[in-house]
């Protein structure tokens, strides 16, 4: 059974850092693309970052470029999202998802390209 479990969210002051984890079970994470998405109250879901399975190419939304870094540890079957220089506008529920189908650079940020989702972890950036 495919399962994704996020952790690492919390309350942090502006300018602070958090590292989110997405632990996978039921499949070998290194064969599939993993994406991070977020949704703030009253806003649409946003694709934040993605790492491809084959060439480990990555995608970042413009709003997080230079601040967030996605990485994977295949031995631990886990993907991480390191978030630095956090801003209040980063406040949202963060979800990881995996695509069991072929995914292209164009579809990396699209939620409909992904098949399985975690339950989400809350990130709140506030002083």
Foldseek 3Di string as FASTA:
>chain_A
DWAWAKDWADEAAQQAKIKIKIAIPPDQLLQWKKWKWWDDPPDDIWTAKIAGNPPRDMDGDPVQPPFWDWDDDRVRNMIMIIGGRDDQVVWTWMKMFIAPDDDDPVCRTPPVRTDDIHPTDTHGYHD
